[in-house]
Amino acid sequence: MKIQKTKEKILKYDVVFEEAEEGGYTAHVPTLPGCISEGDCFEKAKENITEAITAYLESLAKDNADISFSQGNFVVSSVEIPLSKLSFT
């Protein structure tokens, strides 16, 4: 008997994690509008956003909507704005 192996397809999404002032982390997925979660620690936030992505995609499939795929080109960076350049200072 020959066993046939199939390769599972994996979807990858960029996730932005932000440390919350009150502790823990919030997480959102830029390519999935409204897909947001949180957790008391980074690992819990990662676990929760994984569940949120799964539910989001299942909801899209149920509604026969197109699924957005991450293009793998999302960049997170910092931008500095000198207060002296702001008109309200």
Foldseek 3Di string as FASTA:
>chain_A
DDDDDDDDDDADFDKDWDADPVAWIKIDTVQQPPQIDTDRHPVRNVVVSVVSVVVSVVVCVVVVHDDDGDPPPDDDDDDDDDPVPDPVD
